Amino acid sequence: MIRVVLADDHAVVRRGLTGLLESTDDLEVVGVARDGSEAVDLVLEHRPDVAVMDLQMPVLDGVEATRAIVAAATGTEVLVLTSFSDHARIDAALGAGAVGYLLKDAEPEVLLDGIRAVARGESPLDPRAARRLLTRAAGSRETSAGAAPAGLSPREAEVLRLVVEGLLNKQIAQRLGITERTVKAHLTSAYQRIGVADRTQAALWAQRHDLGGRTP
């Protein structure tokens, strides 16, 4: 069972998210917060696996709440769920320690799969948020299909491009016709080569090194 704290300042959203999660067999809502300060308190009290965090909230916004949760080292991972896809908010949230970034107009299954992905140690990024990260690089250009920056193999570079698109391991495996285990192996190797620890850092690294665009 994946234990979740929800944080959003709109009652309708809180009720909708609670109902959605409680309709599953593997997700349990252990706390619901109306603002960032309440979210921090609930995380410290319940130590959930995942905190689903809105960004724009009273008392303490989602970025500062995320920073406080990460600093508390409770083992809780933060998944941002917001209406905003501008690069400033994305940068702020990821910089504060959020491991995933989804938008509120996503399909319900995308959110549920995103929470599960975070609990597995993955970092789901909405494709639009990922594209915002990429477009910040002035004059960025797609790396040619055979290029492999930082010593990456062509397949590792290909997998990283799909991470930037926001695909999860299962989707990458389906796109490339390989197994999820092989995807994980390529990611582990790529992380070591470029010196990052997780999916979010890898996506940011790819943006800085112009490793973007769709694979063939």
N, C-alpha and C. Protein backbone atom coordinates (compact mmCIF):
# COMPACT_ATOMS: atom_id res chain seq x y z
N MET A 1 0.84 -1.20 0.00
CA MET A 1 0.00 0.00 0.00
C MET A 1 0.88 1.25 0.00
N ILE A 2 0.62 2.15 -0.94
CA ILE A 2 1.37 3.41 -1.03
C ILE A 2 0.60 4.48 -0.26
N ARG A 3 1.23 5.05 0.75
CA ARG A 3 0.59 6.03 1.62
C ARG A 3 0.86 7.44 1.08
N VAL A 4 -0.21 8.24 0.99
CA VAL A 4 -0.13 9.52 0.30
C VAL A 4 -0.72 10.65 1.15
N VAL A 5 -0.04 11.80 1.15
CA VAL A 5 -0.61 13.04 1.67
C VAL A 5 -0.92 13.94 0.48
N LEU A 6 -2.10 14.54 0.47
CA LEU A 6 -2.52 15.46 -0.59
C LEU A 6 -2.51 16.89 -0.06
N ALA A 7 -2.05 17.83 -0.89
CA ALA A 7 -2.04 19.23 -0.48
C ALA A 7 -2.56 20.10 -1.62
N ASP A 8 -3.69 20.79 -1.37
CA ASP A 8 -4.27 21.70 -2.37
C ASP A 8 -5.19 22.66 -1.64
N ASP A 9 -5.21 23.90 -2.07
CA ASP A 9 -6.02 24.89 -1.35
C ASP A 9 -7.47 24.95 -1.82
N HIS A 10 -7.84 24.14 -2.80
CA HIS A 10 -9.23 24.13 -3.27
C HIS A 10 -9.94 22.88 -2.77
N ALA A 11 -11.05 23.08 -2.08
CA ALA A 11 -11.77 21.96 -1.47
C ALA A 11 -12.26 20.96 -2.51
N VAL A 12 -12.73 21.46 -3.65
CA VAL A 12 -13.23 20.57 -4.69
C VAL A 12 -12.12 19.66 -5.20
N VAL A 13 -10.93 20.23 -5.38
CA VAL A 13 -9.79 19.44 -5.84
C VAL A 13 -9.41 18.41 -4.79
N ARG A 14 -9.37 18.83 -3.53
CA ARG A 14 -9.00 17.90 -2.46
C ARG A 14 -9.96 16.71 -2.42
N ARG A 15 -11.27 17.00 -2.50
CA ARG A 15 -12.25 15.91 -2.46
C ARG A 15 -12.13 15.01 -3.68
N GLY A 16 -11.92 15.63 -4.85
CA GLY A 16 -11.79 14.83 -6.06
C GLY A 16 -10.57 13.92 -6.03
N LEU A 17 -9.44 14.46 -5.59
CA LEU A 17 -8.22 13.65 -5.51
C LEU A 17 -8.35 12.54 -4.48
N THR A 18 -8.96 12.87 -3.35
CA THR A 18 -9.15 11.86 -2.31
C THR A 18 -10.01 10.71 -2.83
N GLY A 19 -11.11 11.05 -3.50
CA GLY A 19 -11.98 10.02 -4.05
C GLY A 19 -11.28 9.18 -5.10
N LEU A 20 -10.47 9.84 -5.94
CA LEU A 20 -9.75 9.12 -6.98
C LEU A 20 -8.78 8.11 -6.38
N LEU A 21 -8.00 8.54 -5.41
CA LEU A 21 -7.00 7.65 -4.82
C LEU A 21 -7.67 6.53 -4.02
N GLU A 22 -8.77 6.85 -3.34
CA GLU A 22 -9.43 5.84 -2.52
C GLU A 22 -10.18 4.82 -3.36
N SER A 23 -10.31 5.08 -4.66
CA SER A 23 -10.96 4.11 -5.56
C SER A 23 -9.99 3.01 -6.00
N THR A 24 -8.72 3.13 -5.62
CA THR A 24 -7.72 2.14 -6.01
C THR A 24 -7.47 1.17 -4.86
N ASP A 25 -6.79 0.08 -5.18
CA ASP A 25 -6.47 -0.92 -4.17
C ASP A 25 -5.09 -0.73 -3.55
N ASP A 26 -4.26 0.12 -4.17
CA ASP A 26 -2.87 0.21 -3.71
C ASP A 26 -2.46 1.59 -3.21
N LEU A 27 -3.40 2.55 -3.20
CA LEU A 27 -3.09 3.90 -2.75
C LEU A 27 -3.99 4.26 -1.56
N GLU A 28 -3.38 4.80 -0.51
CA GLU A 28 -4.12 5.17 0.69
C GLU A 28 -3.84 6.63 1.06
N VAL A 29 -4.88 7.43 1.19
CA VAL A 29 -4.73 8.83 1.61
C VAL A 29 -4.66 8.88 3.13
N VAL A 30 -3.52 9.32 3.67
CA VAL A 30 -3.36 9.37 5.12
C VAL A 30 -3.46 10.79 5.67
N GLY A 31 -3.56 11.79 4.77
CA GLY A 31 -3.70 13.17 5.22
C GLY A 31 -4.03 14.08 4.07
N VAL A 32 -4.83 15.11 4.35
CA VAL A 32 -5.22 16.09 3.33
C VAL A 32 -4.98 17.48 3.89
N ALA A 33 -4.19 18.29 3.18
CA ALA A 33 -3.79 19.61 3.66
C ALA A 33 -4.40 20.72 2.79
N ARG A 34 -4.71 21.84 3.44
CA ARG A 34 -5.27 22.99 2.74
C ARG A 34 -4.21 24.00 2.34
N ASP A 35 -3.01 23.87 2.88
CA ASP A 35 -1.92 24.78 2.55
C ASP A 35 -0.59 24.07 2.79
N GLY A 36 0.50 24.74 2.40
CA GLY A 36 1.80 24.12 2.52
C GLY A 36 2.23 23.82 3.94
N SER A 37 1.86 24.69 4.86
CA SER A 37 2.23 24.47 6.26
C SER A 37 1.56 23.21 6.80
N GLU A 38 0.28 23.03 6.51
CA GLU A 38 -0.42 21.81 6.93
C GLU A 38 0.21 20.58 6.28
N ALA A 39 0.62 20.72 5.03
CA ALA A 39 1.23 19.60 4.33
C ALA A 39 2.50 19.14 5.04
N VAL A 40 3.33 20.09 5.44
CA VAL A 40 4.57 19.75 6.15
C VAL A 40 4.24 19.05 7.46
N ASP A 41 3.27 19.58 8.20
CA ASP A 41 2.89 18.97 9.48
C ASP A 41 2.39 17.54 9.29
N LEU A 42 1.57 17.32 8.25
CA LEU A 42 1.03 15.99 8.00
C LEU A 42 2.12 15.00 7.59
N VAL A 43 3.07 15.47 6.81
CA VAL A 43 4.18 14.60 6.41
C VAL A 43 5.01 14.21 7.62
N LEU A 44 5.28 15.17 8.52
CA LEU A 44 6.05 14.86 9.72
C LEU A 44 5.29 13.89 10.62
N GLU A 45 3.97 14.01 10.64
CA GLU A 45 3.15 13.14 11.49
C GLU A 45 3.02 11.74 10.92
N HIS A 46 2.74 11.63 9.63
CA HIS A 46 2.40 10.33 9.03
C HIS A 46 3.54 9.68 8.25
N ARG A 47 4.54 10.46 7.85
CA ARG A 47 5.65 9.95 7.06
C ARG A 47 5.16 9.10 5.87
N PRO A 48 4.38 9.70 4.99
CA PRO A 48 3.85 8.95 3.85
C PRO A 48 4.94 8.65 2.83
N ASP A 49 4.62 7.81 1.87
CA ASP A 49 5.55 7.52 0.78
C ASP A 49 5.64 8.68 -0.20
N VAL A 50 4.48 9.30 -0.46
CA VAL A 50 4.41 10.36 -1.47
C VAL A 50 3.55 11.51 -0.96
N ALA A 51 4.01 12.74 -1.22
CA ALA A 51 3.18 13.93 -0.98
C ALA A 51 2.85 14.53 -2.34
N VAL A 52 1.56 14.63 -2.65
CA VAL A 52 1.11 15.25 -3.90
C VAL A 52 0.86 16.72 -3.60
N MET A 53 1.65 17.60 -4.21
CA MET A 53 1.75 18.99 -3.78
C MET A 53 1.32 19.99 -4.85
N ASP A 54 0.34 20.81 -4.51
CA ASP A 54 0.01 21.97 -5.34
C ASP A 54 1.10 23.01 -5.12
N LEU A 55 1.25 23.96 -6.04
CA LEU A 55 2.29 24.98 -5.87
C LEU A 55 1.76 26.27 -5.27
N GLN A 56 0.63 26.76 -5.77
CA GLN A 56 0.12 28.05 -5.30
C GLN A 56 -0.87 27.82 -4.18
N MET A 57 -0.40 28.03 -2.93
CA MET A 57 -1.22 27.82 -1.75
C MET A 57 -0.92 28.90 -0.72
N PRO A 58 -1.88 29.19 0.17
CA PRO A 58 -1.65 30.21 1.20
C PRO A 58 -0.74 29.69 2.31
N VAL A 59 -0.35 30.59 3.20
CA VAL A 59 0.48 30.34 4.37
C VAL A 59 1.90 29.94 3.96
N LEU A 60 2.03 28.83 3.27
CA LEU A 60 3.32 28.36 2.77
C LEU A 60 3.07 27.76 1.39
N ASP A 61 3.77 28.27 0.37
CA ASP A 61 3.49 27.74 -0.97
C ASP A 61 4.13 26.36 -1.16
N GLY A 62 3.79 25.73 -2.29
CA GLY A 62 4.23 24.37 -2.52
C GLY A 62 5.73 24.21 -2.65
N VAL A 63 6.41 25.23 -3.18
CA VAL A 63 7.86 25.15 -3.32
C VAL A 63 8.52 25.12 -1.94
N GLU A 64 8.13 26.04 -1.06
CA GLU A 64 8.72 26.08 0.28
C GLU A 64 8.32 24.86 1.10
N ALA A 65 7.10 24.39 0.91
CA ALA A 65 6.67 23.17 1.61
C ALA A 65 7.50 21.98 1.15
N THR A 66 7.75 21.91 -0.15
CA THR A 66 8.59 20.83 -0.68
C THR A 66 9.99 20.90 -0.08
N ARG A 67 10.54 22.10 -0.03
CA ARG A 67 11.89 22.27 0.53
C ARG A 67 11.92 21.81 1.99
N ALA A 68 10.89 22.14 2.75
CA ALA A 68 10.85 21.76 4.15
C ALA A 68 10.71 20.24 4.31
N ILE A 69 9.91 19.63 3.46
CA ILE A 69 9.72 18.17 3.52
C ILE A 69 11.02 17.45 3.19
N VAL A 70 11.71 17.91 2.16
CA VAL A 70 12.98 17.29 1.78
C VAL A 70 14.00 17.45 2.91
N ALA A 71 14.04 18.65 3.50
CA ALA A 71 15.00 18.91 4.58
C ALA A 71 14.72 18.04 5.80
N ALA A 72 13.45 17.68 6.01
CA ALA A 72 13.08 16.88 7.18
C ALA A 72 13.53 15.42 7.04
N ALA A 73 13.87 15.00 5.82
CA ALA A 73 14.40 13.65 5.57
C ALA A 73 13.51 12.56 6.16
N THR A 74 12.21 12.66 5.88
CA THR A 74 11.26 11.64 6.36
C THR A 74 11.17 10.44 5.43
N GLY A 75 11.78 10.55 4.27
CA GLY A 75 11.64 9.50 3.26
C GLY A 75 10.49 9.74 2.32
N THR A 76 9.75 10.83 2.54
CA THR A 76 8.62 11.17 1.67
C THR A 76 9.12 11.84 0.40
N GLU A 77 8.64 11.38 -0.74
CA GLU A 77 8.96 12.00 -2.03
C GLU A 77 7.82 12.93 -2.43
N VAL A 78 8.14 14.05 -3.06
CA VAL A 78 7.14 15.05 -3.43
C VAL A 78 6.87 15.00 -4.93
N LEU A 79 5.59 14.85 -5.26
CA LEU A 79 5.12 14.92 -6.65
C LEU A 79 4.28 16.18 -6.79
N VAL A 80 4.73 17.11 -7.60
CA VAL A 80 3.98 18.35 -7.82
C VAL A 80 2.82 18.08 -8.76
N LEU A 81 1.64 18.60 -8.40
CA LEU A 81 0.46 18.55 -9.25
C LEU A 81 -0.10 19.96 -9.31
N THR A 82 0.03 20.61 -10.45
CA THR A 82 -0.27 22.03 -10.54
C THR A 82 -0.88 22.37 -11.89
N SER A 83 -1.36 23.60 -12.00
CA SER A 83 -1.88 24.09 -13.28
C SER A 83 -0.81 24.81 -14.08
N PHE A 84 0.35 25.06 -13.48
CA PHE A 84 1.38 25.89 -14.09
C PHE A 84 2.47 25.06 -14.76
N SER A 85 2.79 25.40 -16.02
CA SER A 85 3.84 24.69 -16.73
C SER A 85 4.95 25.62 -17.20
N ASP A 86 5.04 26.84 -16.62
CA ASP A 86 6.12 27.74 -16.99
C ASP A 86 7.43 27.28 -16.37
N HIS A 87 8.53 27.56 -17.06
CA HIS A 87 9.82 27.01 -16.64
C HIS A 87 10.26 27.53 -15.28
N ALA A 88 9.83 28.74 -14.90
CA ALA A 88 10.25 29.28 -13.60
C ALA A 88 9.72 28.42 -12.45
N ARG A 89 8.43 28.06 -12.54
CA ARG A 89 7.85 27.23 -11.48
C ARG A 89 8.40 25.80 -11.53
N ILE A 90 8.60 25.28 -12.73
CA ILE A 90 9.18 23.94 -12.85
C ILE A 90 10.56 23.91 -12.21
N ASP A 91 11.39 24.90 -12.55
CA ASP A 91 12.73 24.98 -11.98
C ASP A 91 12.69 25.10 -10.47
N ALA A 92 11.77 25.95 -9.98
CA ALA A 92 11.68 26.18 -8.53
C ALA A 92 11.29 24.90 -7.80
N ALA A 93 10.31 24.19 -8.35
CA ALA A 93 9.82 22.97 -7.70
C ALA A 93 10.89 21.88 -7.71
N LEU A 94 11.51 21.66 -8.86
CA LEU A 94 12.54 20.62 -8.94
C LEU A 94 13.77 21.01 -8.12
N GLY A 95 14.07 22.31 -8.13
CA GLY A 95 15.20 22.78 -7.33
C GLY A 95 14.97 22.61 -5.84
N ALA A 96 13.70 22.66 -5.42
CA ALA A 96 13.37 22.47 -4.00
C ALA A 96 13.41 21.01 -3.59
N GLY A 97 13.43 20.12 -4.58
CA GLY A 97 13.54 18.70 -4.26
C GLY A 97 12.39 17.83 -4.71
N ALA A 98 11.42 18.40 -5.43
CA ALA A 98 10.34 17.56 -5.98
C ALA A 98 10.94 16.59 -6.99
N VAL A 99 10.40 15.37 -7.02
CA VAL A 99 10.95 14.36 -7.93
C VAL A 99 10.06 14.14 -9.15
N GLY A 100 8.90 14.79 -9.19
CA GLY A 100 8.01 14.65 -10.33
C GLY A 100 7.18 15.90 -10.50
N TYR A 101 6.66 16.12 -11.72
CA TYR A 101 5.91 17.34 -12.02
C TYR A 101 4.81 16.98 -13.02
N LEU A 102 3.55 17.00 -12.55
CA LEU A 102 2.41 16.70 -13.41
C LEU A 102 1.44 17.88 -13.40
N LEU A 103 0.63 17.96 -14.44
CA LEU A 103 -0.33 19.05 -14.57
C LEU A 103 -1.74 18.56 -14.26
N LYS A 104 -2.57 19.47 -13.74
CA LYS A 104 -3.89 19.09 -13.25
C LYS A 104 -4.86 18.66 -14.34
N ASP A 105 -4.56 18.99 -15.59
CA ASP A 105 -5.47 18.55 -16.64
C ASP A 105 -5.10 17.17 -17.19
N ALA A 106 -4.16 16.50 -16.53
CA ALA A 106 -3.79 15.15 -16.95
C ALA A 106 -4.95 14.19 -16.69
N GLU A 107 -4.97 13.10 -17.42
CA GLU A 107 -5.98 12.07 -17.19
C GLU A 107 -5.77 11.44 -15.81
N PRO A 108 -6.85 11.02 -15.15
CA PRO A 108 -6.71 10.42 -13.81
C PRO A 108 -5.68 9.30 -13.75
N GLU A 109 -5.65 8.43 -14.76
CA GLU A 109 -4.70 7.31 -14.74
C GLU A 109 -3.26 7.79 -14.80
N VAL A 110 -3.04 8.95 -15.45
CA VAL A 110 -1.68 9.50 -15.51
C VAL A 110 -1.22 9.90 -14.11
N LEU A 111 -2.12 10.51 -13.34
CA LEU A 111 -1.78 10.88 -11.97
C LEU A 111 -1.54 9.64 -11.12
N LEU A 112 -2.43 8.66 -11.21
CA LEU A 112 -2.27 7.45 -10.41
C LEU A 112 -0.95 6.75 -10.76
N ASP A 113 -0.67 6.64 -12.05
CA ASP A 113 0.59 6.01 -12.47
C ASP A 113 1.78 6.84 -12.02
N GLY A 114 1.60 8.17 -12.00
CA GLY A 114 2.69 9.04 -11.56
C GLY A 114 3.01 8.84 -10.09
N ILE A 115 1.99 8.70 -9.25
CA ILE A 115 2.21 8.45 -7.82
C ILE A 115 2.92 7.12 -7.63
N ARG A 116 2.47 6.11 -8.36
CA ARG A 116 3.12 4.80 -8.26
C ARG A 116 4.56 4.87 -8.74
N ALA A 117 4.81 5.63 -9.80
CA ALA A 117 6.17 5.77 -10.31
C ALA A 117 7.08 6.43 -9.28
N VAL A 118 6.58 7.47 -8.62
CA VAL A 118 7.37 8.13 -7.58
C VAL A 118 7.69 7.16 -6.46
N ALA A 119 6.71 6.36 -6.07
CA ALA A 119 6.93 5.38 -5.00
C ALA A 119 7.96 4.33 -5.41
N ARG A 120 8.10 4.07 -6.71
CA ARG A 120 9.09 3.11 -7.21
C ARG A 120 10.47 3.74 -7.37
N GLY A 121 10.56 5.04 -7.12
CA GLY A 121 11.85 5.70 -7.28
C GLY A 121 12.03 6.37 -8.62
N GLU A 122 10.95 6.49 -9.41
CA GLU A 122 11.03 7.15 -10.70
C GLU A 122 10.59 8.61 -10.58
N SER A 123 10.78 9.37 -11.66
CA SER A 123 10.48 10.80 -11.63
C SER A 123 9.63 11.19 -12.83
N PRO A 124 8.31 11.07 -12.73
CA PRO A 124 7.44 11.40 -13.86
C PRO A 124 7.40 12.90 -14.14
N LEU A 125 7.54 13.25 -15.40
CA LEU A 125 7.44 14.64 -15.82
C LEU A 125 6.38 14.74 -16.91
N ASP A 126 5.46 15.68 -16.74
CA ASP A 126 4.48 15.92 -17.81
C ASP A 126 5.24 16.32 -19.07
N PRO A 127 4.87 15.77 -20.23
CA PRO A 127 5.59 16.11 -21.46
C PRO A 127 5.67 17.61 -21.73
N ARG A 128 4.61 18.34 -21.38
CA ARG A 128 4.66 19.79 -21.60
C ARG A 128 5.66 20.46 -20.68
N ALA A 129 5.75 19.97 -19.44
CA ALA A 129 6.75 20.52 -18.52
C ALA A 129 8.15 20.20 -19.01
N ALA A 130 8.33 18.99 -19.53
CA ALA A 130 9.64 18.62 -20.06
C ALA A 130 10.02 19.51 -21.23
N ARG A 131 9.06 19.81 -22.08
CA ARG A 131 9.35 20.68 -23.23
C ARG A 131 9.70 22.09 -22.77
N ARG A 132 9.05 22.57 -21.70
CA ARG A 132 9.40 23.91 -21.19
C ARG A 132 10.86 23.94 -20.77
N LEU A 133 11.34 22.87 -20.16
CA LEU A 133 12.74 22.81 -19.76
C LEU A 133 13.65 22.89 -20.98
N LEU A 134 13.24 22.22 -22.03
CA LEU A 134 14.08 22.17 -23.23
C LEU A 134 14.13 23.51 -23.95
N THR A 135 12.99 24.21 -24.02
CA THR A 135 12.94 25.44 -24.81
C THR A 135 13.69 26.59 -24.15
N ARG A 136 14.13 26.43 -22.91
CA ARG A 136 14.91 27.48 -22.27
C ARG A 136 16.27 27.64 -22.92
N ALA A 137 16.79 26.58 -23.50
CA ALA A 137 18.12 26.65 -24.09
C ALA A 137 18.04 27.37 -25.42
N ALA A 138 18.53 28.62 -25.45
CA ALA A 138 18.46 29.40 -26.68
C ALA A 138 19.28 28.72 -27.76
N GLY A 139 18.61 28.59 -28.93
CA GLY A 139 19.29 27.98 -30.06
C GLY A 139 19.54 26.50 -29.90
N SER A 140 18.78 25.86 -29.00
CA SER A 140 18.99 24.42 -28.81
C SER A 140 18.64 23.69 -30.09
N ARG A 141 19.34 22.63 -30.34
CA ARG A 141 19.08 21.84 -31.54
C ARG A 141 19.12 20.37 -31.18
N GLU A 142 18.38 19.62 -31.91
CA GLU A 142 18.32 18.19 -31.65
C GLU A 142 19.65 17.54 -31.95
N THR A 143 20.14 16.73 -31.01
CA THR A 143 21.36 15.97 -31.23
C THR A 143 21.09 14.91 -32.29
N SER A 144 22.00 14.74 -33.20
CA SER A 144 21.78 13.75 -34.26
C SER A 144 21.64 12.37 -33.66
N ALA A 145 20.91 11.49 -34.40
CA ALA A 145 20.55 10.18 -33.86
C ALA A 145 21.77 9.37 -33.47
N GLY A 146 22.89 9.53 -34.16
CA GLY A 146 24.06 8.73 -33.84
C GLY A 146 24.96 9.34 -32.79
N ALA A 147 24.69 10.58 -32.40
CA ALA A 147 25.57 11.24 -31.44
C ALA A 147 25.36 10.69 -30.05
N ALA A 148 26.43 10.66 -29.28
CA ALA A 148 26.36 10.13 -27.93
C ALA A 148 27.21 10.99 -27.01
N PRO A 149 26.68 12.14 -26.51
CA PRO A 149 27.45 13.03 -25.65
C PRO A 149 27.84 12.35 -24.35
N ALA A 150 28.93 12.85 -23.76
CA ALA A 150 29.42 12.38 -22.47
C ALA A 150 29.69 10.89 -22.43
N GLY A 151 30.03 10.32 -23.59
CA GLY A 151 30.35 8.91 -23.62
C GLY A 151 29.15 7.99 -23.59
N LEU A 152 27.94 8.53 -23.72
CA LEU A 152 26.74 7.70 -23.74
C LEU A 152 26.72 6.84 -25.00
N SER A 153 26.20 5.64 -24.86
CA SER A 153 25.99 4.82 -26.05
C SER A 153 24.78 5.38 -26.80
N PRO A 154 24.66 5.10 -28.09
CA PRO A 154 23.48 5.58 -28.83
C PRO A 154 22.17 5.16 -28.17
N ARG A 155 22.07 3.95 -27.63
CA ARG A 155 20.85 3.49 -26.99
C ARG A 155 20.59 4.25 -25.70
N GLU A 156 21.65 4.51 -24.91
CA GLU A 156 21.48 5.28 -23.67
C GLU A 156 20.98 6.69 -23.98
N ALA A 157 21.54 7.31 -25.02
CA ALA A 157 21.09 8.64 -25.43
C ALA A 157 19.64 8.60 -25.87
N GLU A 158 19.27 7.53 -26.59
CA GLU A 158 17.89 7.36 -27.06
C GLU A 158 16.93 7.25 -25.88
N VAL A 159 17.30 6.48 -24.87
CA VAL A 159 16.46 6.32 -23.68
C VAL A 159 16.33 7.66 -22.95
N LEU A 160 17.42 8.40 -22.85
CA LEU A 160 17.35 9.71 -22.17
C LEU A 160 16.44 10.67 -22.91
N ARG A 161 16.45 10.63 -24.24
CA ARG A 161 15.55 11.50 -24.99
C ARG A 161 14.08 11.20 -24.66
N LEU A 162 13.77 9.92 -24.47
CA LEU A 162 12.40 9.55 -24.13
C LEU A 162 12.06 9.93 -22.69
N VAL A 163 13.05 9.92 -21.80
CA VAL A 163 12.84 10.42 -20.44
C VAL A 163 12.47 11.89 -20.49
N VAL A 164 13.16 12.66 -21.34
CA VAL A 164 12.87 14.08 -21.49
C VAL A 164 11.45 14.30 -21.99
N GLU A 165 10.96 13.39 -22.83
CA GLU A 165 9.58 13.50 -23.32
C GLU A 165 8.55 13.21 -22.23
N GLY A 166 9.01 12.68 -21.09
CA GLY A 166 8.11 12.39 -19.99
C GLY A 166 7.62 10.96 -19.94
N LEU A 167 8.20 10.07 -20.73
CA LEU A 167 7.75 8.68 -20.75
C LEU A 167 8.28 7.93 -19.53
N LEU A 168 7.46 7.03 -19.00
CA LEU A 168 7.88 6.14 -17.93
C LEU A 168 8.59 4.92 -18.53
N ASN A 169 9.23 4.13 -17.67
CA ASN A 169 10.03 3.00 -18.16
C ASN A 169 9.22 2.04 -19.03
N LYS A 170 7.98 1.75 -18.61
CA LYS A 170 7.15 0.83 -19.38
C LYS A 170 6.87 1.38 -20.77
N GLN A 171 6.61 2.69 -20.86
CA GLN A 171 6.33 3.30 -22.15
C GLN A 171 7.58 3.34 -23.03
N ILE A 172 8.75 3.58 -22.41
CA ILE A 172 10.00 3.58 -23.16
C ILE A 172 10.26 2.18 -23.73
N ALA A 173 10.03 1.18 -22.90
CA ALA A 173 10.23 -0.20 -23.34
C ALA A 173 9.35 -0.52 -24.55
N GLN A 174 8.09 -0.08 -24.49
CA GLN A 174 7.17 -0.32 -25.60
C GLN A 174 7.61 0.43 -26.85
N ARG A 175 8.07 1.68 -26.67
CA ARG A 175 8.49 2.49 -27.82
C ARG A 175 9.70 1.87 -28.53
N LEU A 176 10.65 1.34 -27.74
CA LEU A 176 11.90 0.85 -28.31
C LEU A 176 11.89 -0.66 -28.57
N GLY A 177 10.84 -1.34 -28.12
CA GLY A 177 10.78 -2.77 -28.33
C GLY A 177 11.76 -3.55 -27.48
N ILE A 178 11.99 -3.08 -26.25
CA ILE A 178 12.89 -3.75 -25.31
C ILE A 178 12.15 -3.97 -24.00
N THR A 179 12.77 -4.66 -23.05
CA THR A 179 12.11 -4.92 -21.77
C THR A 179 12.33 -3.76 -20.81
N GLU A 180 11.45 -3.68 -19.79
CA GLU A 180 11.63 -2.66 -18.76
C GLU A 180 12.97 -2.84 -18.04
N ARG A 181 13.36 -4.09 -17.83
CA ARG A 181 14.64 -4.35 -17.16
C ARG A 181 15.80 -3.76 -17.97
N THR A 182 15.71 -3.88 -19.30
CA THR A 182 16.76 -3.32 -20.15
C THR A 182 16.75 -1.79 -20.08
N VAL A 183 15.55 -1.20 -20.04
CA VAL A 183 15.45 0.25 -19.89
C VAL A 183 16.14 0.69 -18.60
N LYS A 184 15.84 0.00 -17.49
CA LYS A 184 16.44 0.35 -16.22
C LYS A 184 17.96 0.22 -16.27
N ALA A 185 18.45 -0.81 -16.96
CA ALA A 185 19.89 -1.01 -17.08
C ALA A 185 20.53 0.15 -17.86
N HIS A 186 19.89 0.56 -18.95
CA HIS A 186 20.41 1.68 -19.72
C HIS A 186 20.41 2.97 -18.89
N LEU A 187 19.34 3.19 -18.12
CA LEU A 187 19.27 4.39 -17.29
C LEU A 187 20.34 4.38 -16.22
N THR A 188 20.52 3.24 -15.57
CA THR A 188 21.54 3.14 -14.52
C THR A 188 22.92 3.47 -15.09
N SER A 189 23.21 2.91 -16.25
CA SER A 189 24.49 3.17 -16.90
C SER A 189 24.62 4.65 -17.29
N ALA A 190 23.54 5.22 -17.82
CA ALA A 190 23.56 6.62 -18.24
C ALA A 190 23.76 7.53 -17.04
N TYR A 191 23.06 7.25 -15.93
CA TYR A 191 23.22 8.06 -14.73
C TYR A 191 24.68 8.09 -14.28
N GLN A 192 25.34 6.93 -14.32
CA GLN A 192 26.74 6.85 -13.90
C GLN A 192 27.64 7.64 -14.84
N ARG A 193 27.36 7.56 -16.13
CA ARG A 193 28.20 8.26 -17.11
C ARG A 193 28.10 9.78 -16.99
N ILE A 194 26.88 10.28 -16.73
CA ILE A 194 26.71 11.74 -16.71
C ILE A 194 26.73 12.31 -15.29
N GLY A 195 26.84 11.43 -14.29
CA GLY A 195 27.01 11.89 -12.92
C GLY A 195 25.76 12.42 -12.27
N VAL A 196 24.62 11.76 -12.48
CA VAL A 196 23.38 12.17 -11.83
C VAL A 196 22.83 10.99 -11.04
N ALA A 197 21.84 11.29 -10.17
CA ALA A 197 21.33 10.26 -9.27
C ALA A 197 19.93 9.79 -9.61
N ASP A 198 19.18 10.57 -10.39
CA ASP A 198 17.80 10.18 -10.65
C ASP A 198 17.30 10.72 -11.98
N ARG A 199 16.06 10.41 -12.27
CA ARG A 199 15.43 10.72 -13.55
C ARG A 199 15.31 12.24 -13.77
N THR A 200 14.93 12.96 -12.72
CA THR A 200 14.78 14.41 -12.86
C THR A 200 16.10 15.07 -13.18
N GLN A 201 17.16 14.70 -12.46
CA GLN A 201 18.47 15.26 -12.74
C GLN A 201 18.93 14.91 -14.15
N ALA A 202 18.61 13.69 -14.59
CA ALA A 202 18.99 13.28 -15.94
C ALA A 202 18.29 14.14 -16.99
N ALA A 203 16.99 14.44 -16.77
CA ALA A 203 16.25 15.27 -17.72
C ALA A 203 16.83 16.68 -17.77
N LEU A 204 17.19 17.22 -16.60
CA LEU A 204 17.80 18.55 -16.56
C LEU A 204 19.16 18.55 -17.25
N TRP A 205 19.93 17.48 -17.03
CA TRP A 205 21.24 17.36 -17.70
C TRP A 205 21.03 17.32 -19.22
N ALA A 206 20.05 16.55 -19.66
CA ALA A 206 19.78 16.44 -21.10
C ALA A 206 19.41 17.79 -21.69
N GLN A 207 18.64 18.58 -20.93
CA GLN A 207 18.27 19.91 -21.41
C GLN A 207 19.51 20.81 -21.56
N ARG A 208 20.40 20.74 -20.57
CA ARG A 208 21.59 21.59 -20.62
C ARG A 208 22.53 21.19 -21.74
N HIS A 209 22.49 19.92 -22.15
CA HIS A 209 23.40 19.43 -23.18
C HIS A 209 22.70 19.21 -24.53
N ASP A 210 21.56 19.87 -24.70
CA ASP A 210 20.84 19.83 -25.98
C ASP A 210 20.48 18.41 -26.41
N LEU A 211 20.24 17.53 -25.45
CA LEU A 211 19.86 16.16 -25.79
C LEU A 211 18.34 16.08 -25.74
N GLY A 212 17.70 16.69 -26.73
CA GLY A 212 16.24 16.75 -26.73
C GLY A 212 15.67 16.28 -28.03
N GLY A 213 14.35 16.46 -28.16
CA GLY A 213 13.69 16.08 -29.38
C GLY A 213 13.25 14.64 -29.38
N ARG A 214 12.43 14.30 -30.31
CA ARG A 214 11.89 12.96 -30.39
C ARG A 214 12.84 12.02 -31.09
N THR A 215 12.84 10.80 -30.61
CA THR A 215 13.64 9.77 -31.28
C THR A 215 12.91 9.33 -32.54
N PRO A 216 13.62 8.80 -33.49
CA PRO A 216 12.98 8.38 -34.75
C PRO A 216 11.97 7.30 -34.49
